[in-house]
Protein backbone atom coordinates (compact mmCIF):
# COMPACT_ATOMS: atom_id res chain seq x y z
CA MET A 1 82.03 119.91 148.55
CA THR A 2 85.52 121.32 148.28
CA VAL A 3 88.32 120.09 146.01
CA LYS A 4 90.10 118.72 149.10
CA GLU A 5 87.02 116.77 150.23
CA VAL A 6 86.45 115.20 146.82
CA PHE A 7 90.18 114.51 146.44
CA ASN A 8 90.40 112.71 149.80
CA SER A 9 87.18 110.80 149.17
CA LEU A 10 88.48 109.41 145.89
CA ILE A 11 91.87 108.52 147.37
CA GLN A 12 90.15 106.70 150.22
CA SER A 13 87.95 104.73 147.80
CA PHE A 14 91.03 103.79 145.76
CA GLN A 15 92.86 102.52 148.83
CA GLU A 16 89.87 100.55 150.11
CA ALA A 17 89.66 98.75 146.76
CA GLN A 18 93.32 98.20 146.00
CA GLY A 19 94.14 95.75 148.79
CA THR A 20 97.86 95.26 149.31
CA SER A 21 98.99 96.19 145.79
CA LYS A 22 100.07 99.64 144.65
CA LYS A 23 97.81 101.42 142.18
CA GLN A 24 98.83 103.64 139.28
CA ILE A 25 97.24 107.08 139.35
CA LYS A 26 97.14 109.10 136.12
CA THR A 27 97.15 112.76 137.06
CA ILE A 28 94.93 114.00 134.22
CA ASP A 29 92.34 111.23 134.77
CA PHE A 30 92.31 111.81 138.53
CA GLU A 31 91.80 115.55 138.10
CA GLY A 32 89.04 114.83 135.57
CA ARG A 33 87.18 112.64 138.08
CA ILE A 34 87.33 115.43 140.65
CA ILE A 35 85.92 117.92 138.14
CA ALA A 36 83.13 115.47 137.28
CA LYS A 37 82.30 114.99 140.98
CA LEU A 38 82.06 118.76 141.48
CA GLY A 39 79.81 119.12 138.47
CA ASN A 40 81.76 121.19 135.94
CA PRO A 41 85.12 122.96 135.31
CA ARG A 42 83.71 126.34 136.35
CA LYS A 43 82.80 125.05 139.81
CA TYR A 44 86.20 123.36 140.05
CA ASN A 45 88.03 126.60 139.25
CA GLU A 46 85.90 128.61 141.70
CA LEU A 47 87.05 126.23 144.45
CA GLY A 48 90.74 126.62 143.68
CA GLY A 49 91.07 124.43 140.61
CA TYR A 50 94.43 123.06 139.65
CA LYS A 51 96.32 124.94 142.39
CA GLU A 52 94.27 123.21 145.07
CA PHE A 53 94.63 119.88 143.26
CA TYR A 54 98.42 120.37 143.15
CA LYS A 55 98.46 121.20 146.87
CA GLN A 56 96.71 117.93 147.76
CA MET A 57 98.96 115.90 145.47
CA GLU A 58 102.07 117.47 147.05
CA PHE A 59 100.76 116.60 150.50
CA LEU A 60 100.39 112.91 149.57
CA ILE A 61 103.82 112.87 147.96
CA ASN A 62 105.41 114.35 151.10
CA GLU A 63 103.51 111.88 153.29
CA GLY A 64 104.87 108.99 151.23
CA MET A 65 101.45 107.88 150.02
CA LEU A 66 102.26 108.75 146.41
CA LYS A 67 105.50 107.50 144.88
CA ARG A 68 107.05 108.69 141.64
CA VAL A 69 107.40 106.19 138.79
CA LYS A 70 110.70 105.46 137.08
CA LYS A 71 111.45 107.90 134.28
CA PRO A 72 108.55 110.26 135.10
CA LYS A 73 107.08 112.64 132.54
CA SER A 74 105.76 116.10 133.35
CA ASN A 75 102.11 117.06 132.86
CA ILE A 76 103.36 120.41 131.43
CA LYS A 77 101.39 122.52 133.90
CA THR A 78 102.50 125.15 136.38
CA PRO A 79 103.33 124.07 139.02
CA SER A 80 104.12 120.74 137.36
CA LEU A 81 103.21 117.23 138.44
CA ASP A 82 104.20 113.90 136.96
CA VAL A 83 101.86 112.27 134.46
CA THR A 84 101.58 109.16 136.68
CA TYR A 85 102.26 108.16 140.29
CA TRP A 86 102.04 105.00 142.34
CA LEU A 87 99.44 105.12 145.12
CA LEU A 88 100.81 102.93 147.88
CA PRO A 89 98.41 100.61 149.72
CA LYS A 90 96.88 101.73 152.96
CA TYR A 91 96.86 98.25 154.43
CA LYS A 92 100.48 97.12 154.25
CA GLU A 93 100.93 95.51 157.65
CA ASN A 94 98.94 92.83 159.42
CA LYS A 95 96.69 94.27 162.10
CA TRP A 96 96.44 90.90 163.78
CA SER A 97 99.46 89.75 165.76
CA ASN A 98 101.74 87.09 164.33
CA GLU A 99 100.93 84.90 167.34
CA ASP A 100 97.18 85.10 166.70
CA ILE A 101 97.63 84.43 162.98
CA ALA A 102 99.82 81.38 163.64
CA ARG A 103 97.33 80.03 166.20
CA LEU A 104 94.29 80.48 163.97
CA MET A 105 95.94 79.03 160.88
CA ARG A 106 96.04 75.62 162.52
CA TYR A 107 92.36 75.08 161.81
CA VAL A 108 91.14 77.85 159.47
CA ASP A 109 92.35 79.26 156.17
CA LEU A 110 93.44 82.89 156.62
CA SER A 111 94.68 83.49 153.06
CA PHE A 112 91.86 85.97 152.42
CA TYR A 113 92.84 88.00 155.48
CA MET A 114 96.50 87.94 154.52
CA LYS A 115 95.65 89.42 151.13
CA HIS A 116 92.92 91.81 152.31
CA LYS A 117 94.41 93.22 155.49
CA LYS A 118 91.70 95.83 155.94
CA HIS A 119 89.41 92.99 157.07
CA GLN A 120 91.71 92.23 160.01
CA THR A 121 89.47 94.01 162.51
CA ASP A 122 88.96 93.20 166.17
CA ASN A 123 85.37 92.14 165.60
CA GLU A 124 86.30 89.93 162.65
CA MET A 125 88.95 88.32 164.82
CA LYS A 126 86.32 87.41 167.43
CA MET A 127 84.13 85.71 164.83
CA VAL A 128 87.07 83.86 163.27
CA GLU A 129 88.19 82.71 166.72
CA ARG A 130 84.76 81.22 167.42
CA ILE A 131 84.92 79.24 164.19
CA HIS A 132 88.53 78.20 164.86
CA ASP A 133 87.63 76.93 168.33
CA PHE A 134 84.76 74.93 166.89
CA MET A 135 86.90 73.43 164.13
CA GLU A 136 89.44 72.40 166.75
CA THR A 137 86.88 70.20 168.53
CA LYS A 138 84.36 69.51 165.73
CA ASN A 139 84.90 65.72 165.94
CA LYS A 140 82.87 65.89 169.17
CA SER A 141 79.96 67.74 167.60
CA GLN A 142 76.59 66.60 166.31
CA ILE A 143 75.04 67.71 163.04
CA ILE A 144 72.46 70.29 164.04
CA ASN A 145 70.36 72.91 162.25
CA ARG A 146 72.10 75.97 160.81
CA GLU A 147 70.29 78.41 163.09
CA GLU A 148 71.18 76.30 166.13
CA ARG A 149 74.85 76.18 165.19
CA SER A 150 74.82 79.91 164.51
CA LEU A 151 73.51 80.59 168.01
CA LEU A 152 76.09 78.33 169.64
CA LEU A 153 78.94 79.92 167.69
CA PHE A 154 78.13 83.60 167.82
CA SER A 155 76.18 84.26 171.02
CA ASN A 156 77.41 87.29 172.99
CA ILE A 157 79.29 88.77 170.00
CA ASN A 158 78.51 92.17 168.49
CA LEU A 159 77.58 90.96 165.02
CA PRO A 160 77.45 93.28 162.00
CA ASN A 161 74.19 95.20 161.53
CA ASN A 162 73.01 93.89 164.93
CA ILE A 163 72.09 90.54 163.40
CA GLU A 164 70.74 88.09 165.97
CA ALA A 165 73.19 85.27 166.69
CA GLU A 166 70.88 82.50 165.48
CA LYS A 167 70.34 84.29 162.15
CA PHE A 168 73.97 85.16 161.39
CA LEU A 169 74.91 82.09 159.33
CA SER A 170 71.83 82.54 157.15
CA SER A 171 72.64 86.22 156.51
CA SER A 172 74.74 87.62 153.68
CA GLU A 173 77.32 88.70 156.28
CA GLY A 174 77.53 85.17 157.66
CA THR A 175 77.86 83.70 154.19
CA ALA A 176 80.64 86.18 153.43
CA LEU A 177 82.52 85.14 156.60
CA ILE A 178 82.52 81.42 155.86
CA ASN A 179 83.45 82.14 152.23
CA LYS A 180 86.46 84.13 153.42
CA LEU A 181 87.53 81.13 155.49
CA LYS A 182 86.86 78.75 152.57
CA ILE A 183 84.53 76.54 154.58
CA ASN A 184 80.89 75.54 154.22
CA LEU A 185 78.03 74.50 156.45
CA ASP A 186 79.17 70.86 156.37
CA ASP A 187 82.45 71.97 157.95
CA LEU A 188 80.41 73.54 160.74
CA SER A 189 78.41 70.32 161.26
CA CYS A 190 75.10 71.94 160.46
CA LYS A 191 72.35 71.70 157.88
CA ILE A 192 69.66 73.91 156.40
CA VAL A 193 66.11 72.98 157.28
CA ARG A 194 63.81 74.14 154.51
CA GLU A 195 60.53 75.77 155.41
CA PRO A 196 57.76 73.25 154.67
CA PHE A 197 55.32 74.10 151.93
CA THR A 198 51.55 73.99 152.26
CA TYR A 199 49.88 71.25 150.26
CA TRP A 200 46.71 69.18 150.20
CA LYS A 201 46.25 65.69 148.83
CA ASN A 202 43.07 65.09 146.87
CA VAL A 203 41.97 61.55 147.75
CA ASN A 204 39.25 61.72 145.08
CA SER A 205 41.69 62.18 142.24
CA HIS A 206 42.66 59.25 140.04
CA ASN A 207 45.46 61.26 138.44
CA LYS A 208 48.26 59.88 140.60
CA TYR A 209 51.00 62.07 139.17
CA ASN A 210 49.11 65.33 138.65
CA VAL A 211 50.22 68.39 140.64
CA LEU A 212 48.81 71.92 140.63
CA ILE A 213 50.92 74.74 142.10
CA VAL A 214 48.87 77.84 142.91
CA GLU A 215 50.86 80.98 143.65
CA GLY A 216 48.23 82.84 145.72
CA LEU A 217 46.74 81.69 149.02
CA ALA A 218 43.16 82.85 148.32
CA THR A 219 43.05 81.02 144.97
CA TYR A 220 44.67 77.95 146.54
CA ASN A 221 41.86 77.80 149.13
CA THR A 222 39.16 78.36 146.49
CA ILE A 223 40.42 75.48 144.34
CA LYS A 224 40.79 73.29 147.42
CA GLU A 225 37.16 74.03 148.39
CA ILE A 226 35.94 73.15 144.88
CA LEU A 227 37.78 69.82 145.00
CA ILE A 228 36.79 68.94 148.57
CA ASN A 229 33.11 69.48 147.76
CA CYS A 230 33.40 67.63 144.45
CA HIS A 231 31.99 70.56 142.51
CA PRO A 232 32.08 70.37 138.71
CA TRP A 233 35.67 70.69 137.54
CA HIS A 234 36.44 72.48 134.28
CA PHE A 235 40.19 72.93 134.55
CA GLY A 236 41.71 69.80 133.04
CA PRO A 237 42.75 66.68 134.99
CA THR A 238 41.93 66.95 138.68
CA PRO A 239 45.16 67.24 140.64
CA GLN A 240 46.13 64.74 143.30
CA PHE A 241 48.39 67.29 144.98
CA LEU A 242 47.44 70.94 145.37
CA ILE A 243 50.37 73.15 146.46
CA TRP A 244 50.46 76.73 147.69
CA GLY A 245 53.44 78.30 145.92
CA GLU A 246 53.84 81.49 148.01
CA GLY A 247 55.42 83.47 145.19
CA TYR A 248 59.15 83.01 144.68
CA ARG A 249 59.34 80.85 147.80
CA ILE A 250 58.24 77.84 145.73
CA GLU A 251 61.77 77.81 144.26
CA SER A 252 63.20 76.72 147.62
CA THR A 253 60.37 74.39 148.69
CA ILE A 254 59.56 72.44 145.54
CA ASP A 255 62.12 69.78 146.54
CA TYR A 256 59.62 68.66 149.17
CA LEU A 257 57.85 66.83 146.35
CA ASN A 258 60.45 64.13 146.95
CA GLU A 259 58.70 63.38 150.23
CA LEU A 260 55.32 62.96 148.52
CA VAL A 261 56.25 60.59 145.70
CA SER A 262 59.11 58.21 144.99
CA ASP A 263 60.03 59.73 141.62
CA ILE A 264 59.23 63.41 141.07
CA THR A 265 60.31 63.22 137.43
CA GLN A 266 57.09 61.26 136.82
CA LEU A 267 54.94 64.17 137.99
CA ASP A 268 52.85 66.26 135.64
CA ILE A 269 53.16 69.69 137.27
CA HIS A 270 50.98 72.67 136.36
CA TYR A 271 51.50 76.23 137.57
CA LEU A 272 48.91 78.95 138.16
CA GLY A 273 49.76 82.56 139.03
CA ASP A 274 48.77 86.10 138.13
CA MET A 275 48.71 87.09 134.48
CA ASP A 276 51.46 89.67 134.76
CA PHE A 277 55.23 89.87 134.44
CA GLU A 278 55.87 88.90 138.04
CA GLY A 279 53.60 85.87 137.85
CA PHE A 280 55.29 84.58 134.72
CA ASN A 281 58.75 85.43 136.11
CA ILE A 282 58.05 83.12 139.06
CA TYR A 283 56.95 80.37 136.69
CA PHE A 284 59.99 80.58 134.41
CA ASN A 285 62.45 80.84 137.30
CA LEU A 286 60.92 77.68 138.73
CA LYS A 287 61.02 75.94 135.38
CA GLN A 288 64.62 76.88 134.57
CA LYS A 289 65.95 75.92 137.99
CA ASN A 290 64.20 72.54 137.81
CA HIS A 291 64.68 71.63 134.17
CA TYR A 292 64.44 67.92 135.00
CA LEU A 293 60.80 68.36 136.08
CA ASN A 294 57.78 68.44 133.80
CA ILE A 295 56.41 71.89 134.65
CA LYS A 296 54.00 73.82 132.45
CA LEU A 297 51.36 76.50 132.75
CA ALA A 298 47.89 75.45 133.89
CA TYR A 299 46.37 76.51 130.57
CA PRO A 300 42.65 75.96 131.41
CA PHE A 301 42.95 78.47 134.27
CA TYR A 302 44.69 81.03 132.05
CA LYS A 303 41.98 80.50 129.45
CA PHE A 304 39.41 81.25 132.17
CA LEU A 305 41.29 84.41 133.18
CA SER A 306 41.57 85.47 129.54
CA ARG A 307 37.82 85.30 129.10
CA HIS A 308 37.43 87.68 132.05
CA SER A 309 40.01 90.15 130.79
CA THR A 310 37.52 92.76 129.58
CA ARG A 311 35.97 93.16 133.01
CA TYR A 312 38.78 92.38 135.44
CA ALA A 313 42.04 93.50 133.82
CA THR A 314 43.61 96.24 135.97
CA ASN A 315 46.53 98.62 135.58
CA VAL A 316 49.99 97.50 136.67
CA GLU A 317 50.62 99.80 139.64
CA LYS A 318 53.91 98.42 140.97
CA ALA A 319 57.19 98.25 139.12
CA GLN A 320 57.73 94.72 137.80
CA ARG A 321 60.79 93.07 136.35
CA ILE A 322 60.28 92.88 132.60
CA SER A 323 62.26 90.20 130.78
CA GLN A 324 62.27 89.80 127.03
CA GLU A 325 63.52 86.27 127.59
CA VAL A 326 60.35 85.45 129.53
CA MET A 327 58.22 86.98 126.79
CA ASN A 328 60.01 84.90 124.16
CA HIS A 329 59.36 81.74 126.18
CA LEU A 330 55.70 82.67 126.57
CA ASN A 331 55.31 83.17 122.83
CA GLU A 332 56.77 79.72 122.27
CA GLU A 333 54.89 77.92 125.05
CA LEU A 334 51.52 79.54 124.34
CA ASN A 335 51.77 79.10 120.58
CA GLU A 336 49.00 76.48 120.61
CA PHE A 337 46.80 78.53 122.96
CA LYS A 338 46.03 81.57 120.84
CA GLU A 339 43.32 82.96 123.12
CA VAL A 340 45.71 83.05 126.10
CA LEU A 341 48.63 84.38 124.06
CA ASP A 342 46.51 87.16 122.57
CA THR A 343 45.41 88.16 126.07
CA VAL A 344 48.98 88.18 127.37
CA GLN A 345 50.12 90.37 124.48
CA MET A 346 47.17 92.71 125.03
CA LEU A 347 48.03 93.01 128.73
CA TRP A 348 51.67 93.72 127.95
CA SER A 349 50.72 96.38 125.40
CA ASP A 350 48.19 98.11 127.68
CA LYS A 351 50.31 97.73 130.86
CA LYS A 352 47.57 95.75 132.52
CA ARG A 353 47.32 92.52 134.49
CA ILE A 354 44.74 89.97 135.58
CA ALA A 355 44.97 88.77 139.17
CA GLN A 356 44.45 85.06 139.81
CA GLU A 357 41.79 85.98 142.38
CA VAL A 358 39.39 86.33 139.45
CA ILE A 359 39.13 82.55 139.92
CA ASN A 360 36.66 82.37 142.81
CA LEU A 361 33.44 80.57 143.66
CA GLU A 362 31.31 83.41 142.32
CA THR A 363 32.94 83.66 138.89
CA VAL A 364 33.38 79.91 138.50
CA PHE A 365 29.77 79.01 139.22
CA SER A 366 27.80 82.07 138.11
CA ARG A 367 29.37 82.62 134.71
CA GLU A 368 29.31 80.18 131.82
CA VAL A 369 32.68 80.75 130.21
CA PHE A 370 33.92 77.21 129.63
């Protein structure tokens, strides 16, 4: 890259970030950033150095993009520049017409667009108009699902990143749009329908308030088969409700427990996942976001996994999020279960894991480890 290219790139990034306010540019700092972008002072000087930098600064001054401060001081270089300048905003004028702004402001809040004029694009106008037109007649609308409302609002519009109309409101771009307008899904007469979770009710269980959440599908089906066939059960109280957690998805579906029992705070909920960072991350996220629920690890299953660690522990192949906070919680929660805690610490130290699929009909019934 040349000095001019780096110079213009930095100026553009400044103007995109500064909104409608002027920004103070310190000459020595700005030149230093250009040198850093090019790699080193030698490369900077080979490409023209300060003379090229001065040339680009002079161009912006002559174009009126840079304005001198009151009582300027020289940078004591030849040719000289001031120590500081004001970079004037790129987006000073509304791109939308005054008539359109006045019309839209009857039903939507445009304060974001008044402050951040660079967002006043033609495509953004089309999306805002759709929402404005809906808000104008919303008293005639029914409350429908978010995806349905999204389709009705944004069909036949070129949405960012080619998002399908029915998926726009659930996307980050759709969320950003309604945040800009300071509205929410209630204002658009729509609701989020959660994806249902997979669960099975054990009619043979007398433990009315016992729930077992199993993160993996294969293990979920194995435990379900054991319970359906009334095989010997060695894993604590038999659950009345067996739930497939589907990884992190359980965080958004656990509220469905309200449809199974009248008071979910009465439930005794146990969680089973892989013995690795990701498995315990899922558990602690779930626990922290639902602090009013009685959620704990399904210790008998982790004890079973621990006793198979010598044979079935495998290397951690994928990068996993490692949280010292999670490890601290594990040390506290597993304090009374030394065998499990020792196994967890061994796995951490050796960068290994034990998959929950070790719990299967073959290992459960052919090995005496209880």
